[in-house]
Amino acid sequence: MTNTPTLAKPTNKRRRIMPFFGLSMGISVLALSLLVVLPFAMMVLTTLSMGIDDIIRTIKEPQVLAAIKLSLLMAIAATLTNVVFGVLIAWVLVRYEFWGKSIINALVDLPFALPTAVTGIALATLYAPFGLFGQFFAKFGIKIAFTPIGIWLALVVVSFPFIVRAVQPVLAEVAVEFEEAAAVMGANRWQIFLKVLLPEIAPAILIGAGMMFARATGEYGSVIFIAGNIPMQSEILPLIIVSKLEQFDVAGASCVALFMLLISLIMLFAINFAQWKLSARLGAKTN
């Protein structure tokens, strides 16, 4: 009598390459809920306790509207400024070798390492009317510290690394041979940038711009020392929130904070959608 091998019964259990998926997924969801979802949910509940009429009245306060307008305008201006100079610095760091390159590369991350209060005090000291740089501009009647220009400058400094670090690795993946081939075919430098480089780094620019705008909209520590905090002129939206908390108006502070959060989320979703569409279009062209 011969023994015939028995076939193993097929199992319906799906095998995963990485083990402990259920445990790691549960921990991730729990951490995300405690750190992100729960605080935002409490903010929404605190704001809704005011009632719709009080929420609208709080947002429509002239001081709040002026702060919203100023914060958004300065955040957009800082983002556009950093897109230009951030891409330029990323280009220099990727395409050229020179003495001191590692130092400049490290200085890009300095705003991440410094406390925002230190950045604000340093900028206020430098650009005050009698500061090292401020006294030079004062000769021409230009005041930087304690004006919206100072707010813009602080936002540029604190959000600058986002665009450089977003574009730098993508630009490093673009082979220099494509630029050389375009130059051999007669393209000038501007055409090479627009036709060869920009389509490749555009998604990274959008990602960096979204992170920069979100950081600039909610920045407080570096701006508070150089803004001057003059109501209706140089008062930013985070300062309105702090002022309401000092007045024990927790619901009003939550209302303004939630409105600022919604603005940031709308901008982030719009930028991410544009980045997704652009990546899909570039993928279709390459295929």
Protein backbone atom coordinates (compact mmCIF):
# COMPACT_ATOMS: atom_id res chain seq x y z
CA MET A 1 0.00 0.00 0.00
CA THR A 2 1.51 3.30 -1.08
CA ASN A 3 1.22 6.47 0.92
CA THR A 4 -0.13 9.34 -1.13
CA PRO A 5 0.86 12.82 -0.04
CA THR A 6 -1.97 14.88 1.26
CA LEU A 7 -2.38 18.42 0.00
CA ALA A 8 -2.57 21.17 2.56
CA LYS A 9 -5.95 22.74 2.82
CA PRO A 10 -6.09 26.28 1.43
CA THR A 11 -6.61 28.85 4.10
CA ASN A 12 -8.63 32.00 3.68
CA LYS A 13 -6.36 33.89 6.03
CA ARG A 14 -4.56 36.59 4.12
CA ARG A 15 -0.85 36.60 4.82
CA ARG A 16 0.86 39.97 5.11
CA ILE A 17 4.48 40.69 4.41
CA MET A 18 4.86 42.81 7.56
CA PRO A 19 3.67 41.19 10.79
CA PHE A 20 1.65 42.77 13.57
CA PHE A 21 -0.35 44.95 11.19
CA GLY A 22 -3.40 44.98 13.44
CA LEU A 23 -1.42 46.00 16.52
CA SER A 24 0.59 48.72 14.75
CA MET A 25 -2.53 50.04 13.01
CA GLY A 26 -4.39 50.21 16.32
CA ILE A 27 -1.56 52.08 18.03
CA SER A 28 -1.32 54.49 15.09
CA VAL A 29 -5.04 55.24 15.13
CA LEU A 30 -5.00 55.67 18.92
CA ALA A 31 -2.05 58.07 18.80
CA LEU A 32 -3.60 60.04 15.93
CA SER A 33 -6.89 60.27 17.79
CA LEU A 34 -5.32 61.48 21.03
CA LEU A 35 -2.89 63.94 19.45
CA VAL A 36 -4.93 65.31 16.53
CA VAL A 37 -8.58 64.32 16.37
CA LEU A 38 -9.50 64.77 20.04
CA PRO A 39 -8.11 68.32 20.44
CA PHE A 40 -9.80 69.43 17.22
CA ALA A 41 -13.06 67.82 18.28
CA MET A 42 -12.95 69.65 21.62
CA MET A 43 -12.27 72.90 19.77
CA VAL A 44 -15.34 72.35 17.61
CA LEU A 45 -17.52 71.50 20.61
CA THR A 46 -16.30 74.54 22.54
CA THR A 47 -17.00 76.79 19.56
CA LEU A 48 -20.47 75.35 18.95
CA SER A 49 -21.38 76.03 22.58
CA MET A 50 -21.47 79.73 21.69
CA GLY A 51 -24.28 79.44 19.21
CA ILE A 52 -24.24 80.35 15.51
CA ASP A 53 -25.06 84.02 16.05
CA ASP A 54 -22.24 84.49 18.56
CA ILE A 55 -19.80 82.67 16.26
CA ILE A 56 -20.64 84.97 13.34
CA ARG A 57 -20.47 88.02 15.62
CA THR A 58 -17.04 86.98 16.89
CA ILE A 59 -15.62 86.44 13.39
CA LYS A 60 -17.10 89.73 12.12
CA GLU A 61 -15.45 91.84 14.82
CA PRO A 62 -13.40 94.56 13.04
CA GLN A 63 -10.28 93.69 15.00
CA VAL A 64 -10.61 90.00 14.13
CA LEU A 65 -11.28 90.69 10.44
CA ALA A 66 -8.26 92.99 10.26
CA ALA A 67 -6.08 90.32 11.87
CA ILE A 68 -7.40 87.65 9.48
CA LYS A 69 -6.68 89.83 6.46
CA LEU A 70 -3.19 90.73 7.68
CA SER A 71 -2.27 87.14 8.58
CA LEU A 72 -3.42 85.77 5.23
CA LEU A 73 -1.76 88.49 3.17
CA MET A 74 1.57 88.15 5.00
CA ALA A 75 1.43 84.34 4.81
CA ILE A 76 0.80 84.46 1.06
CA ALA A 77 3.55 87.05 0.55
CA ALA A 78 6.04 85.02 2.59
CA THR A 79 5.12 81.83 0.70
CA LEU A 80 5.61 83.45 -2.71
CA THR A 81 8.91 84.96 -1.59
CA ASN A 82 10.23 81.65 -0.32
CA VAL A 83 9.13 79.80 -3.44
CA VAL A 84 11.46 82.00 -5.52
CA PHE A 85 14.48 82.09 -3.24
CA GLY A 86 13.97 78.59 -1.85
CA VAL A 87 14.06 77.01 -5.30
CA LEU A 88 17.14 79.09 -6.14
CA ILE A 89 19.01 77.95 -3.03
CA ALA A 90 17.96 74.33 -3.58
CA TRP A 91 19.34 74.62 -7.13
CA VAL A 92 22.68 75.96 -5.89
CA LEU A 93 23.01 73.27 -3.23
CA VAL A 94 22.25 70.46 -5.68
CA ARG A 95 24.00 71.57 -8.84
CA TYR A 96 27.22 73.18 -7.56
CA GLU A 97 30.16 72.17 -5.39
CA PHE A 98 31.89 74.98 -3.50
CA TRP A 99 33.67 75.69 -0.26
CA GLY A 100 31.26 76.15 2.63
CA LYS A 101 28.42 74.24 0.99
CA SER A 102 27.89 72.08 4.09
CA ILE A 103 27.68 75.22 6.24
CA ILE A 104 25.01 76.77 4.01
CA ASN A 105 23.16 73.46 3.93
CA ALA A 106 23.14 73.42 7.73
CA LEU A 107 22.04 77.06 7.96
CA VAL A 108 18.92 76.20 5.96
CA ASP A 109 17.69 74.13 8.93
CA LEU A 110 18.58 76.79 11.50
CA PRO A 111 14.99 78.14 11.76
CA PHE A 112 13.91 74.61 12.72
CA ALA A 113 16.51 74.40 15.49
CA LEU A 114 16.05 77.86 17.00
CA PRO A 115 13.10 78.58 19.29
CA THR A 116 10.72 80.93 17.51
CA ALA A 117 11.01 83.48 20.33
CA VAL A 118 14.77 83.65 19.78
CA THR A 119 14.20 84.27 16.07
CA GLY A 120 11.71 87.04 16.82
CA ILE A 121 13.99 88.78 19.33
CA ALA A 122 16.94 88.56 16.94
CA LEU A 123 14.95 90.05 14.06
CA ALA A 124 13.51 92.80 16.24
CA THR A 125 17.00 93.69 17.48
CA LEU A 126 18.43 93.80 13.97
CA TYR A 127 15.60 95.68 12.25
CA ALA A 128 14.50 98.07 14.99
CA PRO A 129 14.91 101.76 14.04
CA PHE A 130 18.22 101.83 15.94
CA GLY A 131 19.25 98.27 15.11
CA LEU A 132 22.17 97.16 13.00
CA PHE A 133 20.12 96.97 9.79
CA GLY A 134 17.14 99.03 10.85
CA GLN A 135 19.11 102.25 11.21
CA PHE A 136 20.25 101.94 7.58
CA PHE A 137 16.66 101.67 6.31
CA ALA A 138 15.58 104.43 8.68
CA LYS A 139 17.74 106.89 6.74
CA PHE A 140 15.41 106.36 3.76
CA GLY A 141 12.24 106.55 5.85
CA ILE A 142 11.67 102.78 5.74
CA LYS A 143 10.51 101.16 8.97
CA ILE A 144 10.68 97.37 9.14
CA ALA A 145 10.26 96.35 12.77
CA PHE A 146 6.82 96.89 14.34
CA THR A 147 5.14 97.05 10.92
CA PRO A 148 3.58 94.48 8.55
CA ILE A 149 6.96 94.37 6.79
CA GLY A 150 8.45 92.93 9.97
CA ILE A 151 5.70 90.30 10.07
CA TRP A 152 6.49 89.32 6.50
CA LEU A 153 10.20 89.10 7.30
CA ALA A 154 9.62 86.86 10.32
CA LEU A 155 7.34 84.55 8.34
CA VAL A 156 9.90 84.31 5.55
CA VAL A 157 12.59 83.25 8.01
CA VAL A 158 10.61 80.62 9.93
CA SER A 159 9.00 79.00 6.86
CA PHE A 160 12.03 79.14 4.58
CA PRO A 161 13.37 75.58 5.14
CA PHE A 162 10.15 73.91 3.98
CA ILE A 163 10.53 74.77 0.31
CA VAL A 164 14.28 74.05 0.20
CA ARG A 165 13.93 70.62 1.77
CA ALA A 166 10.93 69.77 -0.40
CA VAL A 167 12.60 70.71 -3.70
CA GLN A 168 16.19 69.65 -2.97
CA PRO A 169 15.79 65.83 -3.11
CA VAL A 170 13.54 66.00 -6.18
CA LEU A 171 15.97 68.27 -7.99
CA ALA A 172 18.81 65.89 -7.14
CA GLU A 173 16.95 63.09 -8.96
CA VAL A 174 16.70 65.11 -12.19
CA ALA A 175 19.68 64.12 -14.31
CA VAL A 176 21.81 67.03 -15.45
CA GLU A 177 22.04 65.37 -18.88
CA PHE A 178 18.50 66.57 -19.67
CA GLU A 179 19.57 70.17 -19.14
CA GLU A 180 22.70 69.66 -21.21
CA ALA A 181 20.69 68.10 -24.02
CA ALA A 182 18.28 71.03 -24.02
CA ALA A 183 21.22 73.46 -24.14
CA VAL A 184 22.75 71.59 -27.08
CA MET A 185 19.43 71.86 -28.92
CA GLY A 186 19.56 75.64 -28.54
CA ALA A 187 17.40 76.30 -25.47
CA ASN A 188 18.40 79.20 -23.26
CA ARG A 189 18.56 79.00 -19.48
CA TRP A 190 15.05 80.33 -18.97
CA GLN A 191 13.63 77.80 -21.44
CA ILE A 192 15.55 74.99 -19.75
CA PHE A 193 14.05 75.94 -16.41
CA LEU A 194 10.49 76.26 -17.72
CA LYS A 195 10.46 73.22 -20.02
CA VAL A 196 12.83 70.77 -18.33
CA LEU A 197 13.15 71.52 -14.61
CA LEU A 198 9.86 73.14 -13.62
CA PRO A 199 7.61 70.24 -14.70
CA GLU A 200 9.72 67.88 -12.59
CA ILE A 201 9.90 69.96 -9.42
CA ALA A 202 6.45 71.57 -9.59
CA PRO A 203 4.76 68.94 -7.34
CA ALA A 204 7.51 69.38 -4.74
CA ILE A 205 7.12 73.16 -4.92
CA LEU A 206 3.39 72.83 -4.26
CA ILE A 207 3.99 70.53 -1.28
CA GLY A 208 6.56 72.92 0.18
CA ALA A 209 4.30 75.91 -0.46
CA GLY A 210 1.43 74.22 1.37
CA MET A 211 3.57 73.49 4.42
CA MET A 212 4.99 77.02 4.35
CA PHE A 213 1.56 78.62 4.21
CA ALA A 214 0.25 76.49 7.07
CA ARG A 215 3.28 77.35 9.21
CA ALA A 216 3.12 81.06 8.37
CA THR A 217 -0.61 81.34 9.07
CA GLY A 218 -0.30 80.08 12.61
CA GLU A 219 3.13 81.47 13.50
CA TYR A 220 3.22 83.34 16.79
CA GLY A 221 6.53 83.19 18.65
CA SER A 222 8.74 84.89 16.08
CA VAL A 223 6.13 87.43 14.96
CA ILE A 224 5.03 88.70 18.36
CA PHE A 225 8.35 90.47 19.03
CA ILE A 226 8.69 92.24 15.69
CA ALA A 227 5.06 92.93 14.77
CA GLY A 228 4.40 95.80 17.17
CA ASN A 229 0.94 94.32 17.84
CA ILE A 230 -0.93 97.52 16.96
CA PRO A 231 -4.67 96.76 16.65
CA MET A 232 -6.03 97.08 13.11
CA GLN A 233 -2.46 97.57 11.77
CA SER A 234 0.05 94.93 12.84
CA GLU A 235 -1.95 92.53 14.98
CA ILE A 236 -1.90 88.94 13.76
CA LEU A 237 -4.61 86.34 14.23
CA PRO A 238 -2.76 84.16 16.80
CA LEU A 239 -2.41 87.25 18.98
CA ILE A 240 -6.19 87.68 18.91
CA ILE A 241 -6.53 84.13 20.22
CA VAL A 242 -4.06 84.79 23.05
CA SER A 243 -5.82 88.05 23.92
CA LYS A 244 -9.17 86.29 24.20
CA LEU A 245 -7.66 83.60 26.40
CA GLU A 246 -6.21 86.28 28.68
CA GLN A 247 -9.72 87.67 28.97
CA PHE A 248 -10.97 84.17 29.88
CA ASP A 249 -13.01 84.06 26.67
CA VAL A 250 -12.20 80.43 25.90
CA ALA A 251 -15.13 79.99 23.51
CA GLY A 252 -14.17 83.10 21.54
CA ALA A 253 -10.55 81.98 21.33
CA SER A 254 -11.67 78.54 20.14
CA CYS A 255 -13.92 80.17 17.55
CA VAL A 256 -11.11 82.26 16.08
CA ALA A 257 -8.70 79.30 16.24
CA LEU A 258 -11.19 77.04 14.47
CA PHE A 259 -11.72 79.64 11.75
CA MET A 260 -7.97 79.92 11.24
CA LEU A 261 -7.73 76.12 11.12
CA LEU A 262 -10.45 75.92 8.47
CA ILE A 263 -8.63 78.49 6.32
CA SER A 264 -5.39 76.51 6.57
CA LEU A 265 -7.14 73.23 5.79
CA ILE A 266 -8.87 74.70 2.73
CA MET A 267 -5.56 76.01 1.41
CA LEU A 268 -3.81 72.71 2.12
CA PHE A 269 -6.52 70.68 0.41
CA ALA A 270 -6.44 73.01 -2.60
CA ILE A 271 -2.65 72.77 -2.88
CA ASN A 272 -2.67 68.99 -2.42
CA PHE A 273 -5.40 68.64 -5.05
CA ALA A 274 -3.36 70.76 -7.48
CA GLN A 275 -0.27 68.68 -6.69
CA TRP A 276 -2.22 65.45 -7.29
CA LYS A 277 -3.60 66.69 -10.61
CA LEU A 278 -0.18 67.88 -11.70
CA SER A 279 1.45 64.58 -10.78
CA ALA A 280 -1.27 62.67 -12.66
CA ARG A 281 -0.78 64.83 -15.73
CA LEU A 282 3.00 64.38 -15.66
CA GLY A 283 2.54 60.62 -15.21
CA ALA A 284 0.22 60.49 -18.21
CA LYS A 285 2.76 62.35 -20.34
CA THR A 286 5.59 60.01 -19.39
CA ASN A 287 3.45 56.96 -20.17
